[in-house]
Amino acid sequence: MEISVLSLLTPILPAQVRLGVHGLHIRLGAQTGLLLPQVPVEWGWDVPTFLAQTCRKAGLSSDAWTHELAEIYGFTTERFGEP
């Protein structure tokens, strides 16, 4: 079992996303999606794929993060768990 404690969400630009450090929360209208920082590392994703998959988690098209009204937030986590 593992618990991830999220930091405050802060607006982030795609160029600022650091894989393995930032989690993403994307909002467009009433739809939102969130993925933890470890997800793109575990799946071997690059930043554009991480953004696209976060959109898909929200039920949006994979390029919704490029929409002018899309809100992208980054966060970090502190992880606790059993080895």
PDB file of N, CA and C in Angstrom:
ATOM      1  N   MET A   1       0.840  -1.156   0.000  1.00  0.00           N
ATOM      2  CA  MET A   1       0.000   0.000   0.000  1.00  0.00           C
ATOM      3  C   MET A   1       0.895   1.232   0.000  1.00  0.00           C
ATOM      4  N   GLU A   2       0.459   2.250  -0.736  1.00  0.00           N
ATOM      5  CA  GLU A   2       1.212   3.489  -0.809  1.00  0.00           C
ATOM      6  C   GLU A   2       0.239   4.662  -0.771  1.00  0.00           C
ATOM      7  N   ILE A   3       0.642   5.712  -0.102  1.00  0.00           N
ATOM      8  CA  ILE A   3      -0.153   6.934  -0.013  1.00  0.00           C
ATOM      9  C   ILE A   3       0.671   8.070  -0.588  1.00  0.00           C
ATOM     10  N   SER A   4       0.058   8.869  -1.453  1.00  0.00           N
ATOM     11  CA  SER A   4       0.719  10.052  -2.021  1.00  0.00           C
ATOM     12  C   SER A   4      -0.001  11.285  -1.498  1.00  0.00           C
ATOM     13  N   VAL A   5       0.737  12.151  -0.835  1.00  0.00           N
ATOM     14  CA  VAL A   5       0.195  13.417  -0.340  1.00  0.00           C
ATOM     15  C   VAL A   5       0.558  14.488  -1.365  1.00  0.00           C
ATOM     16  N   LEU A   6      -0.462  15.131  -1.913  1.00  0.00           N
ATOM     17  CA  LEU A   6      -0.250  16.109  -2.978  1.00  0.00           C
ATOM     18  C   LEU A   6       0.028  17.496  -2.417  1.00  0.00           C
ATOM     19  N   SER A   7       0.919  18.218  -3.095  1.00  0.00           N
ATOM     20  CA  SER A   7       1.149  19.628  -2.781  1.00  0.00           C
ATOM     21  C   SER A   7      -0.019  20.428  -3.351  1.00  0.00           C
ATOM     22  N   LEU A   8       0.012  21.720  -3.143  1.00  0.00           N
ATOM     23  CA  LEU A   8      -0.988  22.585  -3.758  1.00  0.00           C
ATOM     24  C   LEU A   8      -0.829  22.541  -5.275  1.00  0.00           C
ATOM     25  N   LEU A   9      -1.941  22.650  -5.984  1.00  0.00           N
ATOM     26  CA  LEU A   9      -1.905  22.725  -7.440  1.00  0.00           C
ATOM     27  C   LEU A   9      -1.470  24.125  -7.844  1.00  0.00           C
ATOM     28  N   THR A  10      -0.536  24.198  -8.787  1.00  0.00           N
ATOM     29  CA  THR A  10      -0.088  25.492  -9.292  1.00  0.00           C
ATOM     30  C   THR A  10      -0.096  25.453 -10.820  1.00  0.00           C
ATOM     31  N   PRO A  11      -0.482  26.554 -11.461  1.00  0.00           N
ATOM     32  CA  PRO A  11      -0.463  26.573 -12.925  1.00  0.00           C
ATOM     33  C   PRO A  11       0.940  26.247 -13.434  1.00  0.00           C
ATOM     34  N   ILE A  12       0.999  25.472 -14.511  1.00  0.00           N
ATOM     35  CA  ILE A  12       2.287  25.063 -15.069  1.00  0.00           C
ATOM     36  C   ILE A  12       2.186  25.060 -16.589  1.00  0.00           C
ATOM     37  N   LEU A  13       3.264  25.444 -17.235  1.00  0.00           N
ATOM     38  CA  LEU A  13       3.346  25.375 -18.696  1.00  0.00           C
ATOM     39  C   LEU A  13       3.915  24.018 -19.089  1.00  0.00           C
ATOM     40  N   PRO A  14       3.516  23.488 -20.230  1.00  0.00           N
ATOM     41  CA  PRO A  14       4.059  22.189 -20.651  1.00  0.00           C
ATOM     42  C   PRO A  14       5.587  22.135 -20.643  1.00  0.00           C
ATOM     43  N   ALA A  15       6.242  23.215 -21.010  1.00  0.00           N
ATOM     44  CA  ALA A  15       7.712  23.238 -21.034  1.00  0.00           C
ATOM     45  C   ALA A  15       8.324  23.150 -19.642  1.00  0.00           C
ATOM     46  N   GLN A  16       7.533  23.401 -18.609  1.00  0.00           N
ATOM     47  CA  GLN A  16       8.033  23.362 -17.236  1.00  0.00           C
ATOM     48  C   GLN A  16       7.873  21.991 -16.584  1.00  0.00           C
ATOM     49  N   VAL A  17       7.129  21.098 -17.206  1.00  0.00           N
ATOM     50  CA  VAL A  17       6.854  19.785 -16.612  1.00  0.00           C
ATOM     51  C   VAL A  17       8.129  18.953 -16.570  1.00  0.00           C
ATOM     52  N   ARG A  18       8.438  18.441 -15.386  1.00  0.00           N
ATOM     53  CA  ARG A  18       9.591  17.552 -15.196  1.00  0.00           C
ATOM     54  C   ARG A  18       9.080  16.163 -14.851  1.00  0.00           C
ATOM     55  N   LEU A  19       9.365  15.214 -15.720  1.00  0.00           N
ATOM     56  CA  LEU A  19       8.894  13.844 -15.519  1.00  0.00           C
ATOM     57  C   LEU A  19       9.465  13.265 -14.235  1.00  0.00           C
ATOM     58  N   GLY A  20       8.620  12.592 -13.488  1.00  0.00           N
ATOM     59  CA  GLY A  20       9.035  11.996 -12.226  1.00  0.00           C
ATOM     60  C   GLY A  20       9.005  12.969 -11.065  1.00  0.00           C
ATOM     61  N   VAL A  21       8.819  14.257 -11.354  1.00  0.00           N
ATOM     62  CA  VAL A  21       8.762  15.282 -10.309  1.00  0.00           C
ATOM     63  C   VAL A  21       7.348  15.850 -10.208  1.00  0.00           C
ATOM     64  N   HIS A  22       6.784  16.208 -11.349  1.00  0.00           N
ATOM     65  CA  HIS A  22       5.456  16.829 -11.366  1.00  0.00           C
ATOM     66  C   HIS A  22       4.361  15.829 -11.714  1.00  0.00           C
ATOM     67  N   GLY A  23       3.257  15.936 -10.987  1.00  0.00           N
ATOM     68  CA  GLY A  23       2.018  15.309 -11.394  1.00  0.00           C
ATOM     69  C   GLY A  23       1.249  16.362 -12.172  1.00  0.00           C
ATOM     70  N   LEU A  24       0.224  15.921 -12.917  1.00  0.00           N
ATOM     71  CA  LEU A  24      -0.562  16.866 -13.700  1.00  0.00           C
ATOM     72  C   LEU A  24      -2.043  16.765 -13.377  1.00  0.00           C
ATOM     73  N   HIS A  25      -2.680  17.920 -13.392  1.00  0.00           N
ATOM     74  CA  HIS A  25      -4.134  18.030 -13.285  1.00  0.00           C
ATOM     75  C   HIS A  25      -4.563  18.938 -14.424  1.00  0.00           C
ATOM     76  N   ILE A  26      -5.422  18.424 -15.288  1.00  0.00           N
ATOM     77  CA  ILE A  26      -5.894  19.197 -16.439  1.00  0.00           C
ATOM     78  C   ILE A  26      -7.402  19.370 -16.312  1.00  0.00           C
ATOM     79  N   ARG A  27      -7.856  20.589 -16.597  1.00  0.00           N
ATOM     80  CA  ARG A  27      -9.281  20.906 -16.536  1.00  0.00           C
ATOM     81  C   ARG A  27      -9.686  21.635 -17.810  1.00  0.00           C
ATOM     82  N   LEU A  28     -10.779  21.188 -18.390  1.00  0.00           N
ATOM     83  CA  LEU A  28     -11.378  21.878 -19.527  1.00  0.00           C
ATOM     84  C   LEU A  28     -12.882  21.770 -19.342  1.00  0.00           C
ATOM     85  N   GLY A  29     -13.497  22.910 -19.061  1.00  0.00           N
ATOM     86  CA  GLY A  29     -14.917  22.888 -18.738  1.00  0.00           C
ATOM     87  C   GLY A  29     -15.132  22.135 -17.438  1.00  0.00           C
ATOM     88  N   ALA A  30     -16.094  21.221 -17.445  1.00  0.00           N
ATOM     89  CA  ALA A  30     -16.405  20.451 -16.241  1.00  0.00           C
ATOM     90  C   ALA A  30     -15.581  19.171 -16.128  1.00  0.00           C
ATOM     91  N   GLN A  31     -14.747  18.889 -17.124  1.00  0.00           N
ATOM     92  CA  GLN A  31     -13.984  17.641 -17.123  1.00  0.00           C
ATOM     93  C   GLN A  31     -12.579  17.870 -16.583  1.00  0.00           C
ATOM     94  N   THR A  32     -12.158  16.967 -15.707  1.00  0.00           N
ATOM     95  CA  THR A  32     -10.829  17.065 -15.112  1.00  0.00           C
ATOM     96  C   THR A  32     -10.167  15.689 -15.089  1.00  0.00           C
ATOM     97  N   GLY A  33      -8.847  15.714 -15.142  1.00  0.00           N
ATOM     98  CA  GLY A  33      -8.069  14.486 -15.042  1.00  0.00           C
ATOM     99  C   GLY A  33      -6.798  14.752 -14.270  1.00  0.00           C
ATOM    100  N   LEU A  34      -6.340  13.753 -13.529  1.00  0.00           N
ATOM    101  CA  LEU A  34      -5.149  13.893 -12.699  1.00  0.00           C
ATOM    102  C   LEU A  34      -4.326  12.617 -12.798  1.00  0.00           C
ATOM    103  N   LEU A  35      -3.025  12.778 -12.983  1.00  0.00           N
ATOM    104  CA  LEU A  35      -2.102  11.650 -12.932  1.00  0.00           C
ATOM    105  C   LEU A  35      -0.937  12.013 -12.022  1.00  0.00           C
ATOM    106  N   LEU A  36      -0.511  11.053 -11.220  1.00  0.00           N
ATOM    107  CA  LEU A  36       0.581  11.248 -10.272  1.00  0.00           C
ATOM    108  C   LEU A  36       1.933  11.282 -10.982  1.00  0.00           C
ATOM    109  N   PRO A  37       2.957  11.862 -10.340  1.00  0.00           N
ATOM    110  CA  PRO A  37       4.275  11.992 -10.970  1.00  0.00           C
ATOM    111  C   PRO A  37       4.918  10.671 -11.385  1.00  0.00           C
ATOM    112  N   GLN A  38       4.638   9.596 -10.678  1.00  0.00           N
ATOM    113  CA  GLN A  38       5.285   8.326 -10.991  1.00  0.00           C
ATOM    114  C   GLN A  38       4.712   7.644 -12.236  1.00  0.00           C
ATOM    115  N   VAL A  39       3.522   8.041 -12.660  1.00  0.00           N
ATOM    116  CA  VAL A  39       2.865   7.363 -13.779  1.00  0.00           C
ATOM    117  C   VAL A  39       3.671   7.448 -15.083  1.00  0.00           C
ATOM    118  N   PRO A  40       4.113   8.636 -15.529  1.00  0.00           N
ATOM    119  CA  PRO A  40       4.853   8.663 -16.799  1.00  0.00           C
ATOM    120  C   PRO A  40       6.190   7.926 -16.735  1.00  0.00           C
ATOM    121  N   VAL A  41       6.793   7.876 -15.558  1.00  0.00           N
ATOM    122  CA  VAL A  41       8.058   7.154 -15.396  1.00  0.00           C
ATOM    123  C   VAL A  41       7.805   5.652 -15.539  1.00  0.00           C
ATOM    124  N   GLU A  42       6.751   5.172 -14.874  1.00  0.00           N
ATOM    125  CA  GLU A  42       6.431   3.740 -14.923  1.00  0.00           C
ATOM    126  C   GLU A  42       6.079   3.288 -16.338  1.00  0.00           C
ATOM    127  N   TRP A  43       5.469   4.165 -17.126  1.00  0.00           N
ATOM    128  CA  TRP A  43       5.034   3.814 -18.474  1.00  0.00           C
ATOM    129  C   TRP A  43       6.027   4.247 -19.554  1.00  0.00           C
ATOM    130  N   GLY A  44       7.082   4.963 -19.187  1.00  0.00           N
ATOM    131  CA  GLY A  44       8.084   5.389 -20.162  1.00  0.00           C
ATOM    132  C   GLY A  44       7.605   6.482 -21.105  1.00  0.00           C
ATOM    133  N   TRP A  45       6.721   7.352 -20.610  1.00  0.00           N
ATOM    134  CA  TRP A  45       6.159   8.426 -21.438  1.00  0.00           C
ATOM    135  C   TRP A  45       7.080   9.632 -21.485  1.00  0.00           C
ATOM    136  N   ASP A  46       6.965  10.400 -22.573  1.00  0.00           N
ATOM    137  CA  ASP A  46       7.569  11.722 -22.649  1.00  0.00           C
ATOM    138  C   ASP A  46       6.512  12.743 -22.196  1.00  0.00           C
ATOM    139  N   VAL A  47       6.887  14.018 -22.148  1.00  0.00           N
ATOM    140  CA  VAL A  47       5.964  15.045 -21.645  1.00  0.00           C
ATOM    141  C   VAL A  47       4.699  15.152 -22.499  1.00  0.00           C
ATOM    142  N   PRO A  48       4.788  15.197 -23.838  1.00  0.00           N
ATOM    143  CA  PRO A  48       3.546  15.283 -24.618  1.00  0.00           C
ATOM    144  C   PRO A  48       2.598  14.096 -24.380  1.00  0.00           C
ATOM    145  N   THR A  49       3.158  12.908 -24.208  1.00  0.00           N
ATOM    146  CA  THR A  49       2.316  11.737 -23.931  1.00  0.00           C
ATOM    147  C   THR A  49       1.687  11.847 -22.551  1.00  0.00           C
ATOM    148  N   PHE A  50       2.433  12.345 -21.571  1.00  0.00           N
ATOM    149  CA  PHE A  50       1.910  12.558 -20.217  1.00  0.00           C
ATOM    150  C   PHE A  50       0.724  13.531 -20.268  1.00  0.00           C
ATOM    151  N   LEU A  51       0.874  14.625 -20.997  1.00  0.00           N
ATOM    152  CA  LEU A  51      -0.219  15.586 -21.149  1.00  0.00           C
ATOM    153  C   LEU A  51      -1.418  14.949 -21.843  1.00  0.00           C
ATOM    154  N   ALA A  52      -1.161  14.207 -22.910  1.00  0.00           N
ATOM    155  CA  ALA A  52      -2.236  13.559 -23.655  1.00  0.00           C
ATOM    156  C   ALA A  52      -2.976  12.538 -22.803  1.00  0.00           C
ATOM    157  N   GLN A  53      -2.241  11.744 -22.034  1.00  0.00           N
ATOM    158  CA  GLN A  53      -2.880  10.720 -21.201  1.00  0.00           C
ATOM    159  C   GLN A  53      -3.661  11.331 -20.038  1.00  0.00           C
ATOM    160  N   THR A  54      -3.201  12.467 -19.530  1.00  0.00           N
ATOM    161  CA  THR A  54      -3.957  13.157 -18.482  1.00  0.00           C
ATOM    162  C   THR A  54      -5.275  13.663 -19.059  1.00  0.00           C
ATOM    163  N   CYS A  55      -5.240  14.156 -20.286  1.00  0.00           N
ATOM    164  CA  CYS A  55      -6.479  14.572 -20.963  1.00  0.00           C
ATOM    165  C   CYS A  55      -7.420  13.384 -21.144  1.00  0.00           C
ATOM    166  N   ARG A  56      -6.880  12.269 -21.577  1.00  0.00           N
ATOM    167  CA  ARG A  56      -7.714  11.072 -21.784  1.00  0.00           C
ATOM    168  C   ARG A  56      -8.323  10.601 -20.472  1.00  0.00           C
ATOM    169  N   LYS A  57      -7.584  10.732 -19.381  1.00  0.00           N
ATOM    170  CA  LYS A  57      -8.117  10.374 -18.062  1.00  0.00           C
ATOM    171  C   LYS A  57      -9.334  11.230 -17.733  1.00  0.00           C
ATOM    172  N   ALA A  58      -9.347  12.473 -18.242  1.00  0.00           N
ATOM    173  CA  ALA A  58     -10.468  13.392 -18.013  1.00  0.00           C
ATOM    174  C   ALA A  58     -11.616  13.135 -18.983  1.00  0.00           C
ATOM    175  N   GLY A  59     -11.437  12.209 -19.907  1.00  0.00           N
ATOM    176  CA  GLY A  59     -12.469  11.957 -20.902  1.00  0.00           C
ATOM    177  C   GLY A  59     -12.428  12.958 -22.051  1.00  0.00           C
ATOM    178  N   LEU A  60     -11.288  13.601 -22.206  1.00  0.00           N
ATOM    179  CA  LEU A  60     -11.094  14.598 -23.254  1.00  0.00           C
ATOM    180  C   LEU A  60     -10.280  13.995 -24.401  1.00  0.00           C
ATOM    181  N   SER A  61     -10.232  14.697 -25.521  1.00  0.00           N
ATOM    182  CA  SER A  61      -9.359  14.256 -26.604  1.00  0.00           C
ATOM    183  C   SER A  61      -7.911  14.409 -26.144  1.00  0.00           C
ATOM    184  N   SER A  62      -7.017  13.641 -26.744  1.00  0.00           N
ATOM    185  CA  SER A  62      -5.628  13.649 -26.287  1.00  0.00           C
ATOM    186  C   SER A  62      -4.914  14.976 -26.542  1.00  0.00           C
ATOM    187  N   ASP A  63      -5.451  15.808 -27.414  1.00  0.00           N
ATOM    188  CA  ASP A  63      -4.832  17.113 -27.659  1.00  0.00           C
ATOM    189  C   ASP A  63      -5.552  18.259 -26.956  1.00  0.00           C
ATOM    190  N   ALA A  64      -6.458  17.948 -26.056  1.00  0.00           N
ATOM    191  CA  ALA A  64      -7.233  18.989 -25.358  1.00  0.00           C
ATOM    192  C   ALA A  64      -6.341  19.932 -24.550  1.00  0.00           C
ATOM    193  N   TRP A  65      -5.160  19.471 -24.167  1.00  0.00           N
ATOM    194  CA  TRP A  65      -4.259  20.332 -23.385  1.00  0.00           C
ATOM    195  C   TRP A  65      -3.797  21.542 -24.190  1.00  0.00           C
ATOM    196  N   THR A  66      -3.929  21.497 -25.518  1.00  0.00           N
ATOM    197  CA  THR A  66      -3.540  22.623 -26.358  1.00  0.00           C
ATOM    198  C   THR A  66      -4.670  23.645 -26.522  1.00  0.00           C
ATOM    199  N   HIS A  67      -5.859  23.310 -26.062  1.00  0.00           N
ATOM    200  CA  HIS A  67      -7.010  24.210 -26.194  1.00  0.00           C
ATOM    201  C   HIS A  67      -6.778  25.467 -25.362  1.00  0.00           C
ATOM    202  N   GLU A  68      -7.158  26.610 -25.896  1.00  0.00           N
ATOM    203  CA  GLU A  68      -6.889  27.884 -25.202  1.00  0.00           C
ATOM    204  C   GLU A  68      -7.566  27.995 -23.842  1.00  0.00           C
ATOM    205  N   LEU A  69      -8.635  27.253 -23.603  1.00  0.00           N
ATOM    206  CA  LEU A  69      -9.318  27.316 -22.310  1.00  0.00           C
ATOM    207  C   LEU A  69      -8.890  26.205 -21.347  1.00  0.00           C
ATOM    208  N   ALA A  70      -8.016  25.324 -21.799  1.00  0.00           N
ATOM    209  CA  ALA A  70      -7.545  24.248 -20.918  1.00  0.00           C
ATOM    210  C   ALA A  70      -6.681  24.837 -19.811  1.00  0.00           C
ATOM    211  N   GLU A  71      -6.889  24.328 -18.609  1.00  0.00           N
ATOM    212  CA  GLU A  71      -6.092  24.744 -17.454  1.00  0.00           C
ATOM    213  C   GLU A  71      -5.194  23.574 -17.074  1.00  0.00           C
ATOM    214  N   ILE A  72      -3.898  23.834 -16.997  1.00  0.00           N
ATOM    215  CA  ILE A  72      -2.932  22.789 -16.648  1.00  0.00           C
ATOM    216  C   ILE A  72      -2.276  23.180 -15.332  1.00  0.00           C
ATOM    217  N   TYR A  73      -2.330  22.258 -14.383  1.00  0.00           N
ATOM    218  CA  TYR A  73      -1.736  22.485 -13.071  1.00  0.00           C
ATOM    219  C   TYR A  73      -0.724  21.388 -12.793  1.00  0.00           C
ATOM    220  N   GLY A  74       0.345  21.758 -12.118  1.00  0.00           N
ATOM    221  CA  GLY A  74       1.339  20.804 -11.679  1.00  0.00           C
ATOM    222  C   GLY A  74       1.322  20.693 -10.167  1.00  0.00           C
ATOM    223  N   PHE A  75       1.839  19.597  -9.677  1.00  0.00           N
ATOM    224  CA  PHE A  75       1.964  19.389  -8.235  1.00  0.00           C
ATOM    225  C   PHE A  75       3.071  18.377  -7.998  1.00  0.00           C
ATOM    226  N   THR A  76       3.533  18.324  -6.785  1.00  0.00           N
ATOM    227  CA  THR A  76       4.494  17.302  -6.382  1.00  0.00           C
ATOM    228  C   THR A  76       3.809  16.428  -5.337  1.00  0.00           C
ATOM    229  N   THR A  77       4.442  15.329  -5.013  1.00  0.00           N
ATOM    230  CA  THR A  77       3.878  14.442  -3.998  1.00  0.00           C
ATOM    231  C   THR A  77       4.946  14.023  -3.000  1.00  0.00           C
ATOM    232  N   GLU A  78       4.477  13.685  -1.835  1.00  0.00           N
ATOM    233  CA  GLU A  78       5.310  13.001  -0.854  1.00  0.00           C
ATOM    234  C   GLU A  78       4.677  11.642  -0.681  1.00  0.00           C
ATOM    235  N   ARG A  79       5.469  10.591  -0.919  1.00  0.00           N
ATOM    236  CA  ARG A  79       4.943   9.242  -0.921  1.00  0.00           C
ATOM    237  C   ARG A  79       5.315   8.495   0.359  1.00  0.00           C
ATOM    238  N   PHE A  80       4.340   7.778   0.889  1.00  0.00           N
ATOM    239  CA  PHE A  80       4.529   6.960   2.077  1.00  0.00           C
ATOM    240  C   PHE A  80       4.021   5.568   1.757  1.00  0.00           C
ATOM    241  N   GLY A  81       4.715   4.557   2.235  1.00  0.00           N
ATOM    242  CA  GLY A  81       4.227   3.207   2.002  1.00  0.00           C
ATOM    243  C   GLY A  81       5.156   2.180   2.592  1.00  0.00           C
ATOM    244  N   GLU A  82       4.709   0.958   2.449  1.00  0.00           N
ATOM    245  CA  GLU A  82       5.492  -0.178   2.922  1.00  0.00           C
ATOM    246  C   GLU A  82       6.442  -0.623   1.825  1.00  0.00           C
ATOM    247  N   PRO A  83       7.648  -1.045   2.187  1.00  0.00           N
ATOM    248  CA  PRO A  83       8.595  -1.504   1.150  1.00  0.00           C
ATOM    249  C   PRO A  83       8.144  -2.776   0.458  1.00  0.00           C
TER     250      PRO A  83
END
